[in-house]
Amino acid sequence: MIHLKHLPPILDFEASSLSDCSHPISAGLIVSGEIFYWLIKPKPKWIDWSLTSQAIHGIKRSHLIENGLDAECVYEEINQALAGFDAVYSNNPYWEFRWLSQLGKFNIEVKDVELLIPPAHKNSWKTTFEQQFQKHNLVQHRADHDALALALTVQQLMK
C-alpha cells in the first residue's frame, strides 16, 4: 500500500501540444494521499491539437469530447482539492501553471518539485522518477500516473 498523506500536493497535466495555443486535456493530482484524475473536455475556443502530442499521451480529441468533464467542473474540483494549500508541486511548473490558469483563477503557487528533493539527490532524482513507472506499473504521460511517480520519487528520496 502506498502512503502519501504527508506530502504536499503534486500536479501533472497532459496537453493538446506544447505550443502557445495549447490547452490542458487531462490532469492528475495527488493531495493528502488521494489520487485524482480528470479528462478535460475542450472548451469551444480550445482548438489547438497536435498529432505528435496525441501519439505521446495516447488521448484522442474525440475521446475528450465524448468522455471529458467540462473544464469548469474540473476547475471546481481541483480548486476544492487544493483548498487550504498555498502551493502545488510539479516537474514542469511553467507549463502546469499555464494550463492550470486556463481552467480558472487559482490562489496557489505552482512550484518546482526539485524544491522537495534533498540536495544529495538533486542530480539523480530524475532516474528515480523514471524507475517508479516500472516499479509500480505506471504509464508515462498519463497525468495521474506522472503525478504519482513524482510523489513516490519525493517520498523515496526524503527517507
N, C-alpha and C. Protein backbone atom coordinates (compact mmCIF):
# COMPACT_ATOMS: atom_id res chain seq x y z
N MET A 1 0.84 -1.19 0.00
CA MET A 1 0.00 0.00 0.00
C MET A 1 0.88 1.25 0.00
N ILE A 2 0.45 2.25 -0.72
CA ILE A 2 1.21 3.49 -0.85
C ILE A 2 0.63 4.53 0.10
N HIS A 3 1.48 5.12 0.94
CA HIS A 3 1.05 6.16 1.88
C HIS A 3 1.72 7.48 1.51
N LEU A 4 0.94 8.43 1.06
CA LEU A 4 1.49 9.71 0.60
C LEU A 4 0.87 10.90 1.32
N LYS A 5 0.18 10.67 2.44
CA LYS A 5 -0.56 11.74 3.12
C LYS A 5 0.32 12.89 3.58
N HIS A 6 1.57 12.62 3.90
CA HIS A 6 2.45 13.64 4.44
C HIS A 6 3.06 14.55 3.38
N LEU A 7 2.87 14.24 2.12
CA LEU A 7 3.48 15.03 1.04
C LEU A 7 2.62 16.22 0.66
N PRO A 8 3.24 17.30 0.19
CA PRO A 8 2.45 18.41 -0.35
C PRO A 8 1.80 18.00 -1.67
N PRO A 9 0.81 18.75 -2.14
CA PRO A 9 0.13 18.40 -3.39
C PRO A 9 1.09 18.38 -4.58
N ILE A 10 0.86 17.42 -5.47
CA ILE A 10 1.67 17.27 -6.69
C ILE A 10 0.72 17.18 -7.88
N LEU A 11 1.02 17.97 -8.93
CA LEU A 11 0.13 18.14 -10.07
C LEU A 11 0.85 17.81 -11.38
N ASP A 12 0.10 17.21 -12.29
CA ASP A 12 0.61 17.00 -13.65
C ASP A 12 -0.54 17.16 -14.63
N PHE A 13 -0.24 17.76 -15.77
CA PHE A 13 -1.19 17.88 -16.87
C PHE A 13 -0.62 17.19 -18.10
N GLU A 14 -1.50 16.71 -18.94
CA GLU A 14 -1.18 16.40 -20.33
C GLU A 14 -1.91 17.47 -21.13
N ALA A 15 -1.38 17.78 -22.31
CA ALA A 15 -1.92 18.90 -23.06
C ALA A 15 -2.06 18.58 -24.54
N SER A 16 -2.79 19.46 -25.21
CA SER A 16 -3.04 19.31 -26.65
C SER A 16 -1.76 19.41 -27.47
N SER A 17 -0.80 20.16 -26.95
CA SER A 17 0.50 20.34 -27.61
C SER A 17 1.39 21.10 -26.64
N LEU A 18 2.55 21.49 -27.11
CA LEU A 18 3.42 22.37 -26.32
C LEU A 18 3.54 23.73 -27.00
N SER A 19 2.52 24.11 -27.75
CA SER A 19 2.52 25.42 -28.41
C SER A 19 1.92 26.47 -27.49
N ASP A 20 2.03 27.72 -27.89
CA ASP A 20 1.44 28.81 -27.12
C ASP A 20 -0.08 28.73 -27.07
N CYS A 21 -0.68 28.00 -28.00
CA CYS A 21 -2.14 27.85 -28.06
C CYS A 21 -2.63 26.58 -27.37
N SER A 22 -1.72 25.85 -26.74
CA SER A 22 -2.10 24.57 -26.14
C SER A 22 -3.07 24.75 -24.98
N HIS A 23 -3.74 23.66 -24.66
CA HIS A 23 -4.69 23.66 -23.55
C HIS A 23 -4.61 22.31 -22.84
N PRO A 24 -5.05 22.27 -21.57
CA PRO A 24 -4.98 21.01 -20.83
C PRO A 24 -6.01 20.01 -21.35
N ILE A 25 -5.62 18.74 -21.39
CA ILE A 25 -6.56 17.69 -21.80
C ILE A 25 -6.80 16.67 -20.69
N SER A 26 -5.85 16.57 -19.76
CA SER A 26 -6.06 15.72 -18.59
C SER A 26 -5.22 16.27 -17.45
N ALA A 27 -5.67 15.98 -16.23
CA ALA A 27 -4.96 16.44 -15.04
C ALA A 27 -4.88 15.30 -14.04
N GLY A 28 -3.74 15.22 -13.39
CA GLY A 28 -3.54 14.27 -12.30
C GLY A 28 -3.07 15.05 -11.09
N LEU A 29 -3.63 14.75 -9.93
CA LEU A 29 -3.32 15.50 -8.71
C LEU A 29 -3.24 14.53 -7.55
N ILE A 30 -2.18 14.67 -6.76
CA ILE A 30 -2.03 13.90 -5.52
C ILE A 30 -2.17 14.90 -4.38
N VAL A 31 -3.19 14.72 -3.54
CA VAL A 31 -3.43 15.62 -2.41
C VAL A 31 -3.79 14.79 -1.19
N SER A 32 -3.05 14.98 -0.11
CA SER A 32 -3.34 14.29 1.16
C SER A 32 -3.50 12.79 0.97
N GLY A 33 -2.68 12.23 0.11
CA GLY A 33 -2.70 10.79 -0.13
C GLY A 33 -3.74 10.32 -1.12
N GLU A 34 -4.60 11.21 -1.60
CA GLU A 34 -5.62 10.84 -2.59
C GLU A 34 -5.10 11.12 -3.99
N ILE A 35 -5.49 10.26 -4.92
CA ILE A 35 -5.10 10.40 -6.32
C ILE A 35 -6.34 10.80 -7.12
N PHE A 36 -6.23 11.94 -7.81
CA PHE A 36 -7.32 12.45 -8.64
C PHE A 36 -6.90 12.41 -10.11
N TYR A 37 -7.88 12.17 -10.98
CA TYR A 37 -7.61 12.17 -12.42
C TYR A 37 -8.83 12.71 -13.15
N TRP A 38 -8.58 13.60 -14.09
CA TRP A 38 -9.65 14.18 -14.89
C TRP A 38 -9.27 14.16 -16.37
N LEU A 39 -10.20 13.76 -17.21
CA LEU A 39 -10.13 14.02 -18.65
C LEU A 39 -10.90 15.31 -18.85
N ILE A 40 -10.34 16.24 -19.61
CA ILE A 40 -10.93 17.57 -19.73
C ILE A 40 -11.50 17.78 -21.13
N LYS A 41 -12.80 18.01 -21.18
CA LYS A 41 -13.47 18.30 -22.46
C LYS A 41 -13.01 19.67 -22.92
N PRO A 42 -12.56 19.80 -24.18
CA PRO A 42 -12.09 21.10 -24.66
C PRO A 42 -13.21 22.15 -24.67
N LYS A 43 -12.85 23.35 -24.22
CA LYS A 43 -13.77 24.49 -24.37
C LYS A 43 -13.87 24.79 -25.87
N PRO A 44 -14.96 25.42 -26.31
CA PRO A 44 -15.11 25.72 -27.75
C PRO A 44 -13.92 26.48 -28.35
N LYS A 45 -13.30 27.37 -27.57
CA LYS A 45 -12.18 28.16 -28.11
C LYS A 45 -10.86 27.38 -28.09
N TRP A 46 -10.83 26.20 -27.48
CA TRP A 46 -9.62 25.38 -27.43
C TRP A 46 -9.58 24.49 -28.67
N ILE A 47 -8.94 24.98 -29.71
CA ILE A 47 -8.92 24.24 -30.98
C ILE A 47 -7.55 23.64 -31.30
N ASP A 48 -6.52 24.05 -30.58
CA ASP A 48 -5.17 23.54 -30.82
C ASP A 48 -5.14 22.02 -30.63
N TRP A 49 -4.46 21.32 -31.55
CA TRP A 49 -4.28 19.87 -31.40
C TRP A 49 -3.04 19.44 -32.16
N SER A 50 -2.22 18.64 -31.51
CA SER A 50 -1.00 18.11 -32.13
C SER A 50 -1.08 16.58 -32.17
N LEU A 51 -0.94 16.04 -33.37
CA LEU A 51 -0.92 14.58 -33.50
C LEU A 51 0.33 13.99 -32.86
N THR A 52 1.41 14.77 -32.82
CA THR A 52 2.63 14.32 -32.15
C THR A 52 2.37 14.16 -30.66
N SER A 53 1.70 15.16 -30.05
CA SER A 53 1.36 15.06 -28.63
C SER A 53 0.39 13.92 -28.39
N GLN A 54 -0.57 13.75 -29.29
CA GLN A 54 -1.54 12.66 -29.16
C GLN A 54 -0.82 11.31 -29.15
N ALA A 55 0.20 11.17 -29.98
CA ALA A 55 0.96 9.92 -30.02
C ALA A 55 1.69 9.67 -28.70
N ILE A 56 2.06 10.74 -28.00
CA ILE A 56 2.76 10.61 -26.72
C ILE A 56 1.79 10.25 -25.59
N HIS A 57 0.70 11.01 -25.46
CA HIS A 57 -0.22 10.76 -24.34
C HIS A 57 -1.31 9.75 -24.66
N GLY A 58 -1.52 9.47 -25.94
CA GLY A 58 -2.47 8.43 -26.33
C GLY A 58 -3.93 8.79 -26.21
N ILE A 59 -4.25 10.07 -26.09
CA ILE A 59 -5.64 10.50 -25.94
C ILE A 59 -6.08 11.23 -27.20
N LYS A 60 -7.16 10.77 -27.80
CA LYS A 60 -7.70 11.43 -28.99
C LYS A 60 -8.64 12.55 -28.58
N ARG A 61 -8.67 13.59 -29.40
CA ARG A 61 -9.57 14.72 -29.13
C ARG A 61 -11.02 14.24 -29.07
N SER A 62 -11.40 13.34 -29.95
CA SER A 62 -12.78 12.83 -29.96
C SER A 62 -13.11 12.13 -28.64
N HIS A 63 -12.13 11.47 -28.04
CA HIS A 63 -12.34 10.81 -26.74
C HIS A 63 -12.62 11.85 -25.65
N LEU A 64 -11.90 12.98 -25.71
CA LEU A 64 -12.13 14.05 -24.73
C LEU A 64 -13.52 14.65 -24.89
N ILE A 65 -13.92 14.87 -26.14
CA ILE A 65 -15.23 15.47 -26.40
C ILE A 65 -16.33 14.54 -25.89
N GLU A 66 -16.17 13.24 -26.10
CA GLU A 66 -17.19 12.27 -25.69
C GLU A 66 -17.15 11.95 -24.21
N ASN A 67 -15.96 11.91 -23.61
CA ASN A 67 -15.82 11.40 -22.25
C ASN A 67 -15.26 12.40 -21.24
N GLY A 68 -14.79 13.55 -21.71
CA GLY A 68 -14.19 14.51 -20.80
C GLY A 68 -15.21 15.23 -19.94
N LEU A 69 -14.74 15.72 -18.83
CA LEU A 69 -15.55 16.54 -17.92
C LEU A 69 -15.40 17.99 -18.35
N ASP A 70 -16.46 18.76 -18.27
CA ASP A 70 -16.37 20.18 -18.61
C ASP A 70 -15.25 20.84 -17.83
N ALA A 71 -14.50 21.71 -18.50
CA ALA A 71 -13.36 22.38 -17.88
C ALA A 71 -13.76 23.12 -16.61
N GLU A 72 -14.96 23.69 -16.59
CA GLU A 72 -15.43 24.41 -15.41
C GLU A 72 -15.59 23.46 -14.22
N CYS A 73 -16.04 22.25 -14.47
CA CYS A 73 -16.17 21.25 -13.40
C CYS A 73 -14.80 20.81 -12.90
N VAL A 74 -13.87 20.63 -13.82
CA VAL A 74 -12.50 20.26 -13.43
C VAL A 74 -11.90 21.37 -12.58
N TYR A 75 -12.12 22.62 -13.00
CA TYR A 75 -11.64 23.76 -12.22
C TYR A 75 -12.18 23.69 -10.79
N GLU A 76 -13.49 23.50 -10.65
CA GLU A 76 -14.11 23.45 -9.32
C GLU A 76 -13.53 22.32 -8.48
N GLU A 77 -13.36 21.16 -9.07
CA GLU A 77 -12.86 20.01 -8.32
C GLU A 77 -11.40 20.18 -7.92
N ILE A 78 -10.57 20.71 -8.81
CA ILE A 78 -9.17 20.96 -8.45
C ILE A 78 -9.10 22.03 -7.37
N ASN A 79 -9.88 23.09 -7.54
CA ASN A 79 -9.90 24.17 -6.55
C ASN A 79 -10.30 23.64 -5.18
N GLN A 80 -11.30 22.78 -5.14
CA GLN A 80 -11.75 22.19 -3.88
C GLN A 80 -10.66 21.29 -3.28
N ALA A 81 -10.03 20.47 -4.11
CA ALA A 81 -8.99 19.56 -3.64
C ALA A 81 -7.79 20.31 -3.08
N LEU A 82 -7.50 21.49 -3.64
CA LEU A 82 -6.33 22.27 -3.21
C LEU A 82 -6.66 23.30 -2.13
N ALA A 83 -7.91 23.33 -1.68
CA ALA A 83 -8.31 24.29 -0.64
C ALA A 83 -7.42 24.11 0.60
N GLY A 84 -6.92 25.22 1.10
CA GLY A 84 -6.08 25.19 2.28
C GLY A 84 -4.59 25.07 1.99
N PHE A 85 -4.24 24.87 0.74
CA PHE A 85 -2.83 24.79 0.36
C PHE A 85 -2.42 26.08 -0.34
N ASP A 86 -1.16 26.49 -0.15
CA ASP A 86 -0.68 27.69 -0.84
C ASP A 86 0.25 27.36 -1.99
N ALA A 87 0.59 26.06 -2.14
CA ALA A 87 1.47 25.65 -3.23
C ALA A 87 1.13 24.23 -3.67
N VAL A 88 1.39 23.99 -4.95
CA VAL A 88 1.31 22.65 -5.53
C VAL A 88 2.61 22.47 -6.30
N TYR A 89 3.11 21.24 -6.35
CA TYR A 89 4.42 20.98 -6.94
C TYR A 89 4.31 20.21 -8.25
N SER A 90 5.27 20.47 -9.12
CA SER A 90 5.29 19.86 -10.45
C SER A 90 6.73 19.78 -10.95
N ASN A 91 6.96 18.88 -11.89
CA ASN A 91 8.28 18.83 -12.51
C ASN A 91 8.38 19.77 -13.71
N ASN A 92 7.30 20.50 -13.98
CA ASN A 92 7.29 21.46 -15.07
C ASN A 92 6.39 22.64 -14.70
N PRO A 93 6.79 23.43 -13.70
CA PRO A 93 5.89 24.45 -13.16
C PRO A 93 5.43 25.50 -14.17
N TYR A 94 6.26 25.84 -15.15
CA TYR A 94 5.83 26.83 -16.13
C TYR A 94 4.57 26.36 -16.86
N TRP A 95 4.65 25.15 -17.42
CA TRP A 95 3.51 24.64 -18.19
C TRP A 95 2.33 24.31 -17.29
N GLU A 96 2.59 23.71 -16.13
CA GLU A 96 1.47 23.36 -15.24
C GLU A 96 0.70 24.62 -14.82
N PHE A 97 1.42 25.70 -14.51
CA PHE A 97 0.75 26.95 -14.14
C PHE A 97 -0.06 27.48 -15.31
N ARG A 98 0.52 27.40 -16.48
CA ARG A 98 -0.16 27.89 -17.69
C ARG A 98 -1.47 27.15 -17.92
N TRP A 99 -1.40 25.80 -17.83
CA TRP A 99 -2.60 25.01 -18.08
C TRP A 99 -3.60 25.11 -16.93
N LEU A 100 -3.11 25.21 -15.71
CA LEU A 100 -3.99 25.40 -14.55
C LEU A 100 -4.75 26.71 -14.70
N SER A 101 -4.06 27.75 -15.14
CA SER A 101 -4.67 29.07 -15.32
C SER A 101 -5.73 29.08 -16.42
N GLN A 102 -5.61 28.19 -17.38
CA GLN A 102 -6.62 28.12 -18.43
C GLN A 102 -7.94 27.55 -17.91
N LEU A 103 -7.87 26.81 -16.82
CA LEU A 103 -9.10 26.28 -16.22
C LEU A 103 -9.82 27.35 -15.41
N GLY A 104 -9.07 28.27 -14.82
CA GLY A 104 -9.67 29.32 -13.99
C GLY A 104 -8.62 29.97 -13.11
N LYS A 105 -9.07 30.86 -12.25
CA LYS A 105 -8.15 31.57 -11.36
C LYS A 105 -7.96 30.76 -10.08
N PHE A 106 -6.72 30.45 -9.79
CA PHE A 106 -6.36 29.71 -8.59
C PHE A 106 -5.48 30.60 -7.72
N ASN A 107 -5.71 30.56 -6.42
CA ASN A 107 -4.86 31.29 -5.48
C ASN A 107 -3.83 30.33 -4.91
N ILE A 108 -3.00 29.83 -5.79
CA ILE A 108 -1.98 28.86 -5.39
C ILE A 108 -0.76 29.03 -6.29
N GLU A 109 0.38 28.79 -5.72
CA GLU A 109 1.63 28.89 -6.48
C GLU A 109 2.02 27.49 -6.97
N VAL A 110 2.48 27.41 -8.21
CA VAL A 110 2.99 26.14 -8.74
C VAL A 110 4.51 26.19 -8.61
N LYS A 111 5.04 25.29 -7.79
CA LYS A 111 6.48 25.28 -7.51
C LYS A 111 7.14 24.05 -8.12
N ASP A 112 8.43 24.18 -8.33
CA ASP A 112 9.22 23.08 -8.90
C ASP A 112 9.40 21.98 -7.86
N VAL A 113 9.10 20.75 -8.25
CA VAL A 113 9.23 19.60 -7.35
C VAL A 113 10.67 19.45 -6.85
N GLU A 114 11.63 19.98 -7.59
CA GLU A 114 13.03 19.89 -7.16
C GLU A 114 13.25 20.57 -5.81
N LEU A 115 12.36 21.49 -5.43
CA LEU A 115 12.47 22.13 -4.12
C LEU A 115 12.24 21.13 -2.99
N LEU A 116 11.60 20.02 -3.28
CA LEU A 116 11.32 18.99 -2.28
C LEU A 116 12.40 17.90 -2.25
N ILE A 117 13.29 17.93 -3.22
CA ILE A 117 14.32 16.89 -3.34
C ILE A 117 15.52 17.27 -2.47
N PRO A 118 15.97 16.37 -1.59
CA PRO A 118 17.15 16.66 -0.78
C PRO A 118 18.37 16.94 -1.67
N PRO A 119 19.24 17.85 -1.23
CA PRO A 119 20.41 18.24 -2.03
C PRO A 119 21.25 17.05 -2.52
N ALA A 120 21.36 16.02 -1.73
CA ALA A 120 22.18 14.86 -2.12
C ALA A 120 21.63 14.15 -3.36
N HIS A 121 20.36 14.39 -3.71
CA HIS A 121 19.72 13.71 -4.83
C HIS A 121 19.38 14.64 -5.99
N LYS A 122 19.82 15.89 -5.94
CA LYS A 122 19.45 16.87 -6.97
C LYS A 122 19.86 16.42 -8.38
N ASN A 123 20.97 15.73 -8.50
CA ASN A 123 21.45 15.33 -9.83
C ASN A 123 20.95 13.96 -10.27
N SER A 124 20.28 13.24 -9.38
CA SER A 124 19.88 11.87 -9.73
C SER A 124 18.39 11.59 -9.59
N TRP A 125 17.61 12.57 -9.16
CA TRP A 125 16.20 12.30 -8.87
C TRP A 125 15.41 11.87 -10.11
N LYS A 126 15.81 12.35 -11.29
CA LYS A 126 15.06 12.00 -12.50
C LYS A 126 15.18 10.51 -12.82
N THR A 127 16.29 9.91 -12.48
CA THR A 127 16.44 8.46 -12.65
C THR A 127 15.49 7.72 -11.72
N THR A 128 15.41 8.18 -10.48
CA THR A 128 14.47 7.59 -9.51
C THR A 128 13.04 7.75 -10.01
N PHE A 129 12.73 8.91 -10.56
CA PHE A 129 11.39 9.18 -11.12
C PHE A 129 11.07 8.17 -12.23
N GLU A 130 11.99 7.99 -13.16
CA GLU A 130 11.78 7.05 -14.27
C GLU A 130 11.57 5.62 -13.75
N GLN A 131 12.28 5.26 -12.70
CA GLN A 131 12.17 3.91 -12.15
C GLN A 131 10.79 3.63 -11.54
N GLN A 132 10.10 4.67 -11.09
CA GLN A 132 8.79 4.49 -10.46
C GLN A 132 7.77 3.89 -11.42
N PHE A 133 7.89 4.20 -12.70
CA PHE A 133 6.92 3.71 -13.68
C PHE A 133 6.95 2.19 -13.77
N GLN A 134 8.14 1.63 -13.85
CA GLN A 134 8.25 0.17 -13.93
C GLN A 134 7.95 -0.46 -12.57
N LYS A 135 8.47 0.11 -11.53
CA LYS A 135 8.31 -0.45 -10.18
C LYS A 135 6.84 -0.56 -9.77
N HIS A 136 6.03 0.44 -10.18
CA HIS A 136 4.63 0.49 -9.75
C HIS A 136 3.65 0.28 -10.91
N ASN A 137 4.16 -0.20 -12.04
CA ASN A 137 3.32 -0.49 -13.21
C ASN A 137 2.51 0.75 -13.64
N LEU A 138 3.19 1.88 -13.76
CA LEU A 138 2.56 3.13 -14.16
C LEU A 138 2.82 3.41 -15.63
N VAL A 139 1.95 4.20 -16.23
CA VAL A 139 2.06 4.56 -17.64
C VAL A 139 2.54 6.01 -17.75
N GLN A 140 3.67 6.22 -18.42
CA GLN A 140 4.17 7.59 -18.61
C GLN A 140 3.22 8.37 -19.49
N HIS A 141 3.12 9.65 -19.20
CA HIS A 141 2.28 10.60 -19.93
C HIS A 141 0.79 10.34 -19.71
N ARG A 142 0.46 9.70 -18.63
CA ARG A 142 -0.90 9.68 -18.12
C ARG A 142 -0.81 10.54 -16.87
N ALA A 143 -1.58 11.61 -16.81
CA ALA A 143 -1.37 12.66 -15.81
C ALA A 143 -1.37 12.15 -14.37
N ASP A 144 -2.31 11.28 -14.01
CA ASP A 144 -2.33 10.79 -12.63
C ASP A 144 -1.13 9.89 -12.34
N HIS A 145 -0.69 9.11 -13.32
CA HIS A 145 0.48 8.26 -13.12
C HIS A 145 1.75 9.09 -13.02
N ASP A 146 1.86 10.14 -13.83
CA ASP A 146 3.03 11.02 -13.75
C ASP A 146 3.08 11.71 -12.38
N ALA A 147 1.93 12.19 -11.90
CA ALA A 147 1.88 12.84 -10.59
C ALA A 147 2.24 11.84 -9.49
N LEU A 148 1.71 10.62 -9.60
CA LEU A 148 2.02 9.59 -8.61
C LEU A 148 3.50 9.24 -8.64
N ALA A 149 4.09 9.11 -9.81
CA ALA A 149 5.53 8.81 -9.91
C ALA A 149 6.36 9.92 -9.27
N LEU A 150 5.94 11.17 -9.45
CA LEU A 150 6.64 12.28 -8.79
C LEU A 150 6.52 12.18 -7.28
N ALA A 151 5.30 11.90 -6.80
CA ALA A 151 5.08 11.78 -5.35
C ALA A 151 5.91 10.64 -4.77
N LEU A 152 5.93 9.51 -5.44
CA LEU A 152 6.71 8.36 -4.97
C LEU A 152 8.21 8.66 -4.98
N THR A 153 8.65 9.43 -5.97
CA THR A 153 10.06 9.83 -6.04
C THR A 153 10.42 10.70 -4.84
N VAL A 154 9.59 11.71 -4.59
CA VAL A 154 9.85 12.61 -3.45
C VAL A 154 9.85 11.80 -2.16
N GLN A 155 8.86 10.94 -2.00
CA GLN A 155 8.77 10.12 -0.79
C GLN A 155 10.02 9.26 -0.60
N GLN A 156 10.46 8.61 -1.66
CA GLN A 156 11.63 7.73 -1.57
C GLN A 156 12.89 8.51 -1.23
N LEU A 157 13.05 9.68 -1.83
CA LEU A 157 14.29 10.44 -1.64
C LEU A 157 14.31 11.24 -0.34
N MET A 158 13.16 11.42 0.28
CA MET A 158 13.11 12.15 1.55
C MET A 158 13.42 11.25 2.74
N LYS A 159 13.52 9.95 2.52
CA LYS A 159 13.77 9.00 3.62
C LYS A 159 15.14 9.20 4.21
